PDB file of all heavy atoms in Angstrom:
ATOM      1  N   LEU A   1     109.830  53.528 -67.582  1.00  0.00           N
ATOM      2  CA  LEU A   1     109.335  54.551 -68.484  1.00  0.00           C
ATOM      3  C   LEU A   1     109.770  54.217 -69.907  1.00  0.00           C
ATOM      4  O   LEU A   1     110.892  53.759 -70.122  1.00  0.00           O
ATOM      5  CB  LEU A   1     109.867  55.931 -68.080  1.00  0.00           C
ATOM      6  CG  LEU A   1     109.615  56.368 -66.640  1.00  0.00           C
ATOM      7  CD1 LEU A   1     110.248  57.732 -66.386  1.00  0.00           C
ATOM      8  CD2 LEU A   1     108.126  56.400 -66.324  1.00  0.00           C
ATOM      9  N   ARG A   2     108.898  54.476 -70.861  1.00  0.00           N
ATOM     10  CA  ARG A   2     109.222  54.194 -72.264  1.00  0.00           C
ATOM     11  C   ARG A   2     108.742  55.335 -73.151  1.00  0.00           C
ATOM     12  O   ARG A   2     107.594  55.790 -73.045  1.00  0.00           O
ATOM     13  CB  ARG A   2     108.581  52.895 -72.729  1.00  0.00           C
ATOM     14  CG  ARG A   2     108.695  52.666 -74.248  1.00  0.00           C
ATOM     15  CD  ARG A   2     108.200  51.287 -74.636  1.00  0.00           C
ATOM     16  NE  ARG A   2     109.072  50.263 -74.088  1.00  0.00           N
ATOM     17  CZ  ARG A   2     108.748  48.966 -74.030  1.00  0.00           C
ATOM     18  NH1 ARG A   2     107.569  48.568 -74.457  1.00  0.00           N
ATOM     19  NH2 ARG A   2     109.601  48.101 -73.541  1.00  0.00           N
ATOM     20  N   TRP A   3     109.626  55.786 -74.048  1.00  0.00           N
ATOM     21  CA  TRP A   3     109.276  56.746 -75.096  1.00  0.00           C
ATOM     22  C   TRP A   3     109.446  56.026 -76.421  1.00  0.00           C
ATOM     23  O   TRP A   3     110.554  55.639 -76.783  1.00  0.00           O
ATOM     24  CB  TRP A   3     110.162  57.981 -75.010  1.00  0.00           C
ATOM     25  CG  TRP A   3     109.847  59.010 -76.076  1.00  0.00           C
ATOM     26  CD1 TRP A   3     108.648  59.219 -76.692  1.00  0.00           C
ATOM     27  CD2 TRP A   3     110.762  59.954 -76.634  1.00  0.00           C
ATOM     28  NE1 TRP A   3     108.744  60.243 -77.606  1.00  0.00           N
ATOM     29  CE2 TRP A   3     110.032  60.716 -77.586  1.00  0.00           C
ATOM     30  CE3 TRP A   3     112.107  60.254 -76.418  1.00  0.00           C
ATOM     31  CZ2 TRP A   3     110.617  61.730 -78.326  1.00  0.00           C
ATOM     32  CZ3 TRP A   3     112.687  61.267 -77.155  1.00  0.00           C
ATOM     33  CH2 TRP A   3     111.940  61.995 -78.089  1.00  0.00           C
ATOM     34  N   ASN A   4     108.342  55.827 -77.127  1.00  0.00           N
ATOM     35  CA  ASN A   4     108.355  55.023 -78.347  1.00  0.00           C
ATOM     36  C   ASN A   4     107.961  55.883 -79.547  1.00  0.00           C
ATOM     37  O   ASN A   4     106.988  56.642 -79.496  1.00  0.00           O
ATOM     38  CB  ASN A   4     107.377  53.854 -78.216  1.00  0.00           C
ATOM     39  CG  ASN A   4     107.565  52.832 -79.317  1.00  0.00           C
ATOM     40  OD1 ASN A   4     108.644  52.257 -79.468  1.00  0.00           O
ATOM     41  ND2 ASN A   4     106.526  52.592 -80.091  1.00  0.00           N
ATOM     42  N   ASN A   5     108.725  55.765 -80.644  1.00  0.00           N
ATOM     43  CA  ASN A   5     108.477  56.528 -81.859  1.00  0.00           C
ATOM     44  C   ASN A   5     108.503  55.586 -83.052  1.00  0.00           C
ATOM     45  O   ASN A   5     109.400  54.723 -83.154  1.00  0.00           O
ATOM     46  CB  ASN A   5     109.535  57.617 -82.039  1.00  0.00           C
ATOM     47  CG  ASN A   5     109.584  58.578 -80.879  1.00  0.00           C
ATOM     48  OD1 ASN A   5     108.823  59.522 -80.813  1.00  0.00           O
ATOM     49  ND2 ASN A   5     110.491  58.319 -79.934  1.00  0.00           N
ATOM     50  N   ILE A   6     107.552  55.763 -83.972  1.00  0.00           N
ATOM     51  CA  ILE A   6     107.451  54.844 -85.100  1.00  0.00           C
ATOM     52  C   ILE A   6     106.963  55.594 -86.331  1.00  0.00           C
ATOM     53  O   ILE A   6     106.162  56.536 -86.231  1.00  0.00           O
ATOM     54  CB  ILE A   6     106.504  53.672 -84.756  1.00  0.00           C
ATOM     55  CG1 ILE A   6     106.631  52.555 -85.775  1.00  0.00           C
ATOM     56  CG2 ILE A   6     105.068  54.130 -84.600  1.00  0.00           C
ATOM     57  CD1 ILE A   6     106.053  51.235 -85.296  1.00  0.00           C
ATOM     58  N   GLY A   7     107.498  55.216 -87.493  1.00  0.00           N
ATOM     59  CA  GLY A   7     107.083  55.827 -88.741  1.00  0.00           C
ATOM     60  C   GLY A   7     107.111  54.815 -89.870  1.00  0.00           C
ATOM     61  O   GLY A   7     108.001  53.966 -89.929  1.00  0.00           O
ATOM     62  N   THR A   8     106.116  54.891 -90.773  1.00  0.00           N
ATOM     63  CA  THR A   8     106.017  53.970 -91.904  1.00  0.00           C
ATOM     64  C   THR A   8     105.796  54.758 -93.189  1.00  0.00           C
ATOM     65  O   THR A   8     104.961  55.666 -93.228  1.00  0.00           O
ATOM     66  CB  THR A   8     104.850  52.977 -91.705  1.00  0.00           C
ATOM     67  OG1 THR A   8     105.086  52.192 -90.537  1.00  0.00           O
ATOM     68  CG2 THR A   8     104.722  52.043 -92.913  1.00  0.00           C
ATOM     69  N   VAL A   9     106.539  54.375 -94.233  1.00  0.00           N
ATOM     70  CA  VAL A   9     106.323  54.914 -95.572  1.00  0.00           C
ATOM     71  C   VAL A   9     106.054  53.744 -96.508  1.00  0.00           C
ATOM     72  O   VAL A   9     106.602  52.658 -96.327  1.00  0.00           O
ATOM     73  CB  VAL A   9     107.537  55.726 -96.071  1.00  0.00           C
ATOM     74  CG1 VAL A   9     107.725  56.980 -95.235  1.00  0.00           C
ATOM     75  CG2 VAL A   9     108.810  54.886 -96.037  1.00  0.00           C
ATOM     76  N   ALA A  10     105.184  53.948 -97.509  1.00  0.00           N
ATOM     77  CA  ALA A  10     104.855  52.906 -98.472  1.00  0.00           C
ATOM     78  C   ALA A  10     104.486  53.545 -99.804  1.00  0.00           C
ATOM     79  O   ALA A  10     104.108  54.723 -99.866  1.00  0.00           O
ATOM     80  CB  ALA A  10     103.709  52.028 -97.967  1.00  0.00           C
ATOM     81  N   GLN A  11     104.593  52.747-100.878  1.00  0.00           N
ATOM     82  CA  GLN A  11     104.372  53.259-102.219  1.00  0.00           C
ATOM     83  C   GLN A  11     102.944  53.742-102.452  1.00  0.00           C
ATOM     84  O   GLN A  11     102.711  54.669-103.232  1.00  0.00           O
ATOM     85  CB  GLN A  11     104.714  52.180-103.252  1.00  0.00           C
ATOM     86  CG  GLN A  11     106.207  52.005-103.499  1.00  0.00           C
ATOM     87  CD  GLN A  11     106.476  50.975-104.575  1.00  0.00           C
ATOM     88  OE1 GLN A  11     106.055  49.832-104.456  1.00  0.00           O
ATOM     89  NE2 GLN A  11     107.165  51.388-105.624  1.00  0.00           N
ATOM     90  N   ASP A  12     101.972  53.124-101.798  1.00  0.00           N
ATOM     91  CA  ASP A  12     100.588  53.459-102.109  1.00  0.00           C
ATOM     92  C   ASP A  12     100.179  54.834-101.598  1.00  0.00           C
ATOM     93  O   ASP A  12      99.223  55.432-102.095  1.00  0.00           O
ATOM     94  CB  ASP A  12      99.637  52.386-101.558  1.00  0.00           C
ATOM     95  CG  ASP A  12      99.678  52.294-100.045  1.00  0.00           C
ATOM     96  OD1 ASP A  12     100.724  52.652 -99.463  1.00  0.00           O
ATOM     97  OD2 ASP A  12      98.678  51.868 -99.451  1.00  0.00           O
ATOM     98  N   THR A  13     100.889  55.378-100.599  1.00  0.00           N
ATOM     99  CA  THR A  13     100.531  56.695-100.067  1.00  0.00           C
ATOM    100  C   THR A  13     101.627  57.726-100.259  1.00  0.00           C
ATOM    101  O   THR A  13     101.337  58.921-100.332  1.00  0.00           O
ATOM    102  CB  THR A  13     100.221  56.600 -98.562  1.00  0.00           C
ATOM    103  OG1 THR A  13     101.393  56.137 -97.862  1.00  0.00           O
ATOM    104  CG2 THR A  13      99.060  55.650 -98.309  1.00  0.00           C
ATOM    105  N   GLU A  14     102.892  57.297-100.306  1.00  0.00           N
ATOM    106  CA  GLU A  14     104.036  58.200-100.406  1.00  0.00           C
ATOM    107  C   GLU A  14     103.994  59.259 -99.317  1.00  0.00           C
ATOM    108  O   GLU A  14     104.362  60.417 -99.521  1.00  0.00           O
ATOM    109  CB  GLU A  14     104.106  58.847-101.790  1.00  0.00           C
ATOM    110  CG  GLU A  14     104.315  57.840-102.907  1.00  0.00           C
ATOM    111  CD  GLU A  14     104.456  58.504-104.270  1.00  0.00           C
ATOM    112  OE1 GLU A  14     104.197  59.722-104.353  1.00  0.00           O
ATOM    113  OE2 GLU A  14     104.842  57.814-105.231  1.00  0.00           O
ATOM    114  N   ALA A  15     103.505  58.866 -98.167  1.00  0.00           N
ATOM    115  CA  ALA A  15     103.441  59.750 -97.000  1.00  0.00           C
ATOM    116  C   ALA A  15     104.038  59.019 -95.809  1.00  0.00           C
ATOM    117  O   ALA A  15     104.238  57.798 -95.831  1.00  0.00           O
ATOM    118  CB  ALA A  15     101.997  60.154 -96.718  1.00  0.00           C
ATOM    119  N   LEU A  16     104.340  59.766 -94.778  1.00  0.00           N
ATOM    120  CA  LEU A  16     104.863  59.191 -93.538  1.00  0.00           C
ATOM    121  C   LEU A  16     103.726  59.052 -92.543  1.00  0.00           C
ATOM    122  O   LEU A  16     103.130  60.044 -92.113  1.00  0.00           O
ATOM    123  CB  LEU A  16     105.964  60.078 -92.960  1.00  0.00           C
ATOM    124  CG  LEU A  16     106.499  59.672 -91.581  1.00  0.00           C
ATOM    125  CD1 LEU A  16     107.214  58.323 -91.666  1.00  0.00           C
ATOM    126  CD2 LEU A  16     107.426  60.741 -91.017  1.00  0.00           C
ATOM    127  N   GLU A  17     103.397  57.816 -92.192  1.00  0.00           N
ATOM    128  CA  GLU A  17     102.435  57.537 -91.128  1.00  0.00           C
ATOM    129  C   GLU A  17     103.223  57.384 -89.834  1.00  0.00           C
ATOM    130  O   GLU A  17     104.047  56.482 -89.729  1.00  0.00           O
ATOM    131  CB  GLU A  17     101.650  56.263 -91.447  1.00  0.00           C
ATOM    132  CG  GLU A  17     100.896  56.323 -92.771  1.00  0.00           C
ATOM    133  CD  GLU A  17     100.388  54.965 -93.199  1.00  0.00           C
ATOM    134  OE1 GLU A  17      99.324  54.546 -92.709  1.00  0.00           O
ATOM    135  OE2 GLU A  17     101.068  54.312 -94.026  1.00  0.00           O
ATOM    136  N   TRP A  18     102.999  58.242 -88.871  1.00  0.00           N
ATOM    137  CA  TRP A  18     103.861  58.295 -87.698  1.00  0.00           C
ATOM    138  C   TRP A  18     103.051  58.240 -86.405  1.00  0.00           C
ATOM    139  O   TRP A  18     101.863  58.544 -86.369  1.00  0.00           O
ATOM    140  CB  TRP A  18     104.719  59.559 -87.715  1.00  0.00           C
ATOM    141  CG  TRP A  18     103.916  60.827 -87.744  1.00  0.00           C
ATOM    142  CD1 TRP A  18     103.490  61.512 -88.844  1.00  0.00           C
ATOM    143  CD2 TRP A  18     103.426  61.559 -86.609  1.00  0.00           C
ATOM    144  NE1 TRP A  18     102.769  62.619 -88.477  1.00  0.00           N
ATOM    145  CE2 TRP A  18     102.711  62.680 -87.127  1.00  0.00           C
ATOM    146  CE3 TRP A  18     103.527  61.382 -85.234  1.00  0.00           C
ATOM    147  CZ2 TRP A  18     102.096  63.619 -86.289  1.00  0.00           C
ATOM    148  CZ3 TRP A  18     102.911  62.303 -84.400  1.00  0.00           C
ATOM    149  CH2 TRP A  18     102.209  63.405 -84.925  1.00  0.00           C
ATOM    150  N   GLY A  19     103.738  57.860 -85.359  1.00  0.00           N
ATOM    151  CA  GLY A  19     103.133  57.830 -84.037  1.00  0.00           C
ATOM    152  C   GLY A  19     104.196  57.946 -82.969  1.00  0.00           C
ATOM    153  O   GLY A  19     105.347  57.531 -83.159  1.00  0.00           O
ATOM    154  N   THR A  20     103.837  58.536 -81.863  1.00  0.00           N
ATOM    155  CA  THR A  20     104.737  58.633 -80.717  1.00  0.00           C
ATOM    156  C   THR A  20     103.923  58.470 -79.446  1.00  0.00           C
ATOM    157  O   THR A  20     102.748  58.869 -79.395  1.00  0.00           O
ATOM    158  CB  THR A  20     105.498  59.977 -80.713  1.00  0.00           C
ATOM    159  OG1 THR A  20     106.428  60.001 -79.615  1.00  0.00           O
ATOM    160  CG2 THR A  20     104.539  61.143 -80.575  1.00  0.00           C
ATOM    161  N   ASN A  21     104.498  57.851 -78.439  1.00  0.00           N
ATOM    162  CA  ASN A  21     103.808  57.716 -77.170  1.00  0.00           C
ATOM    163  C   ASN A  21     104.805  57.642 -76.029  1.00  0.00           C
ATOM    164  O   ASN A  21     105.958  57.216 -76.210  1.00  0.00           O
ATOM    165  CB  ASN A  21     102.868  56.503 -77.156  1.00  0.00           C
ATOM    166  CG  ASN A  21     103.601  55.193 -77.249  1.00  0.00           C
ATOM    167  OD1 ASN A  21     104.222  54.747 -76.291  1.00  0.00           O
ATOM    168  ND2 ASN A  21     103.551  54.547 -78.405  1.00  0.00           N
ATOM    169  N   VAL A  22     104.367  58.068 -74.870  1.00  0.00           N
ATOM    170  CA  VAL A  22     105.148  57.981 -73.638  1.00  0.00           C
ATOM    171  C   VAL A  22     104.350  57.144 -72.655  1.00  0.00           C
ATOM    172  O   VAL A  22     103.170  57.431 -72.412  1.00  0.00           O
ATOM    173  CB  VAL A  22     105.435  59.375 -73.055  1.00  0.00           C
ATOM    174  CG1 VAL A  22     106.191  59.254 -71.734  1.00  0.00           C
ATOM    175  CG2 VAL A  22     106.232  60.223 -74.051  1.00  0.00           C
ATOM    176  N   SER A  23     104.978  56.104 -72.113  1.00  0.00           N
ATOM    177  CA  SER A  23     104.286  55.178 -71.216  1.00  0.00           C
ATOM    178  C   SER A  23     105.044  55.026 -69.909  1.00  0.00           C
ATOM    179  O   SER A  23     106.278  55.093 -69.872  1.00  0.00           O
ATOM    180  CB  SER A  23     104.133  53.793 -71.867  1.00  0.00           C
ATOM    181  OG  SER A  23     103.384  53.865 -73.055  1.00  0.00           O
ATOM    182  N   ALA A  24     104.281  54.806 -68.841  1.00  0.00           N
ATOM    183  CA  ALA A  24     104.832  54.429 -67.544  1.00  0.00           C
ATOM    184  C   ALA A  24     104.229  53.083 -67.168  1.00  0.00           C
ATOM    185  O   ALA A  24     103.000  52.928 -67.145  1.00  0.00           O
ATOM    186  CB  ALA A  24     104.501  55.471 -66.489  1.00  0.00           C
ATOM    187  N   TYR A  25     105.077  52.089 -66.923  1.00  0.00           N
ATOM    188  CA  TYR A  25     104.651  50.749 -66.530  1.00  0.00           C
ATOM    189  C   TYR A  25     104.993  50.542 -65.050  1.00  0.00           C
ATOM    190  O   TYR A  25     106.119  50.796 -64.634  1.00  0.00           O
ATOM    191  CB  TYR A  25     105.360  49.676 -67.352  1.00  0.00           C
ATOM    192  CG  TYR A  25     105.085  49.738 -68.831  1.00  0.00           C
ATOM    193  CD1 TYR A  25     105.894  50.488 -69.668  1.00  0.00           C
ATOM    194  CD2 TYR A  25     104.028  49.023 -69.388  1.00  0.00           C
ATOM    195  CE1 TYR A  25     105.656  50.535 -71.034  1.00  0.00           C
ATOM    196  CE2 TYR A  25     103.779  49.064 -70.746  1.00  0.00           C
ATOM    197  CZ  TYR A  25     104.600  49.829 -71.562  1.00  0.00           C
ATOM    198  OH  TYR A  25     104.357  49.871 -72.915  1.00  0.00           O
ATOM    199  N   GLN A  26     104.014  50.070 -64.295  1.00  0.00           N
ATOM    200  CA  GLN A  26     104.228  49.845 -62.866  1.00  0.00           C
ATOM    201  C   GLN A  26     103.891  48.410 -62.504  1.00  0.00           C
ATOM    202  O   GLN A  26     102.776  47.945 -62.735  1.00  0.00           O
ATOM    203  CB  GLN A  26     103.362  50.790 -62.034  1.00  0.00           C
ATOM    204  CG  GLN A  26     103.552  50.628 -60.528  1.00  0.00           C
ATOM    205  CD  GLN A  26     102.665  51.553 -59.730  1.00  0.00           C
ATOM    206  OE1 GLN A  26     101.827  52.257 -60.285  1.00  0.00           O
ATOM    207  NE2 GLN A  26     102.852  51.564 -58.416  1.00  0.00           N
ATOM    208  N   SER A  27     104.857  47.703 -61.936  1.00  0.00           N
ATOM    209  CA  SER A  27     104.618  46.347 -61.466  1.00  0.00           C
ATOM    210  C   SER A  27     103.949  46.378 -60.103  1.00  0.00           C
ATOM    211  O   SER A  27     104.382  47.101 -59.199  1.00  0.00           O
ATOM    212  CB  SER A  27     105.942  45.578 -61.364  1.00  0.00           C
ATOM    213  OG  SER A  27     105.756  44.347 -60.703  1.00  0.00           O
ATOM    214  N   LEU A  28     102.871  45.592 -59.958  1.00  0.00           N
ATOM    215  CA  LEU A  28     102.170  45.477 -58.684  1.00  0.00           C
ATOM    216  C   LEU A  28     102.464  44.146 -58.007  1.00  0.00           C
ATOM    217  O   LEU A  28     101.878  43.836 -56.973  1.00  0.00           O
ATOM    218  CB  LEU A  28     100.659  45.620 -58.905  1.00  0.00           C
ATOM    219  CG  LEU A  28     100.214  46.907 -59.608  1.00  0.00           C
ATOM    220  CD1 LEU A  28      98.702  46.891 -59.813  1.00  0.00           C
ATOM    221  CD2 LEU A  28     100.652  48.134 -58.829  1.00  0.00           C
ATOM    222  N   GLY A  29     103.370  43.363 -58.593  1.00  0.00           N
ATOM    223  CA  GLY A  29     103.720  42.070 -58.035  1.00  0.00           C
ATOM    224  C   GLY A  29     102.714  41.002 -58.408  1.00  0.00           C
ATOM    225  O   GLY A  29     101.587  41.282 -58.844  1.00  0.00           O
ATOM    226  N   ALA A  30     103.105  39.741 -58.255  1.00  0.00           N
ATOM    227  CA  ALA A  30     102.220  38.594 -58.477  1.00  0.00           C
ATOM    228  C   ALA A  30     101.558  38.640 -59.858  1.00  0.00           C
ATOM    229  O   ALA A  30     100.368  38.405 -59.995  1.00  0.00           O
ATOM    230  CB  ALA A  30     101.153  38.505 -57.383  1.00  0.00           C
ATOM    231  N   ARG A  31     102.357  38.944 -60.882  1.00  0.00           N
ATOM    232  CA  ARG A  31     101.865  39.008 -62.258  1.00  0.00           C
ATOM    233  C   ARG A  31     100.699  39.977 -62.418  1.00  0.00           C
ATOM    234  O   ARG A  31      99.704  39.691 -63.068  1.00  0.00           O
ATOM    235  CB  ARG A  31     101.485  37.614 -62.751  1.00  0.00           C
ATOM    236  CG  ARG A  31     102.700  36.701 -62.948  1.00  0.00           C
ATOM    237  CD  ARG A  31     102.303  35.309 -63.336  1.00  0.00           C
ATOM    238  NE  ARG A  31     103.501  34.484 -63.547  1.00  0.00           N
ATOM    239  CZ  ARG A  31     103.494  33.164 -63.619  1.00  0.00           C
ATOM    240  NH1 ARG A  31     102.346  32.526 -63.522  1.00  0.00           N
ATOM    241  NH2 ARG A  31     104.601  32.489 -63.816  1.00  0.00           N
ATOM    242  N   ARG A  32     100.845  41.127 -61.807  1.00  0.00           N
ATOM    243  CA  ARG A  32      99.877  42.213 -61.948  1.00  0.00           C
ATOM    244  C   ARG A  32     100.646  43.489 -62.276  1.00  0.00           C
ATOM    245  O   ARG A  32     101.723  43.732 -61.723  1.00  0.00           O
ATOM    246  CB  ARG A  32      99.072  42.418 -60.661  1.00  0.00           C
ATOM    247  CG  ARG A  32      98.192  41.238 -60.261  1.00  0.00           C
ATOM    248  CD  ARG A  32      97.503  41.500 -58.939  1.00  0.00           C
ATOM    249  NE  ARG A  32      98.468  41.659 -57.866  1.00  0.00           N
ATOM    250  CZ  ARG A  32      98.535  42.715 -57.059  1.00  0.00           C
ATOM    251  NH1 ARG A  32      97.675  43.717 -57.220  1.00  0.00           N
ATOM    252  NH2 ARG A  32      99.436  42.780 -56.105  1.00  0.00           N
ATOM    253  N   ALA A  33     100.088  44.296 -63.171  1.00  0.00           N
ATOM    254  CA  ALA A  33     100.752  45.543 -63.535  1.00  0.00           C
ATOM    255  C   ALA A  33      99.736  46.507 -64.124  1.00  0.00           C
ATOM    256  O   ALA A  33      98.640  46.123 -64.545  1.00  0.00           O
ATOM    257  CB  ALA A  33     101.881  45.294 -64.529  1.00  0.00           C
ATOM    258  N   VAL A  34     100.119  47.788 -64.153  1.00  0.00           N
ATOM    259  CA  VAL A  34      99.284  48.827 -64.739  1.00  0.00           C
ATOM    260  C   VAL A  34     100.167  49.689 -65.627  1.00  0.00           C
ATOM    261  O   VAL A  34     101.367  49.861 -65.360  1.00  0.00           O
ATOM    262  CB  VAL A  34      98.602  49.667 -63.635  1.00  0.00           C
ATOM    263  CG1 VAL A  34      99.630  50.369 -62.775  1.00  0.00           C
ATOM    264  CG2 VAL A  34      97.607  50.652 -64.234  1.00  0.00           C
ATOM    265  N   SER A  35      99.596  50.200 -66.715  1.00  0.00           N
ATOM    266  CA  SER A  35     100.336  51.096 -67.608  1.00  0.00           C
ATOM    267  C   SER A  35      99.527  52.360 -67.845  1.00  0.00           C
ATOM    268  O   SER A  35      98.288  52.331 -67.881  1.00  0.00           O
ATOM    269  CB  SER A  35     100.638  50.409 -68.946  1.00  0.00           C
ATOM    270  OG  SER A  35      99.443  50.221 -69.707  1.00  0.00           O
TER     271      SER A  35
END
């Protein structure tokens, strides 16, 4: 399980561009997986 949070600020906007997501990664073996 992964909870990822990210935010960016820059001079051209002077605003916070943000994102958050929660992911579940499941290995199916033999180089196969689903998220």
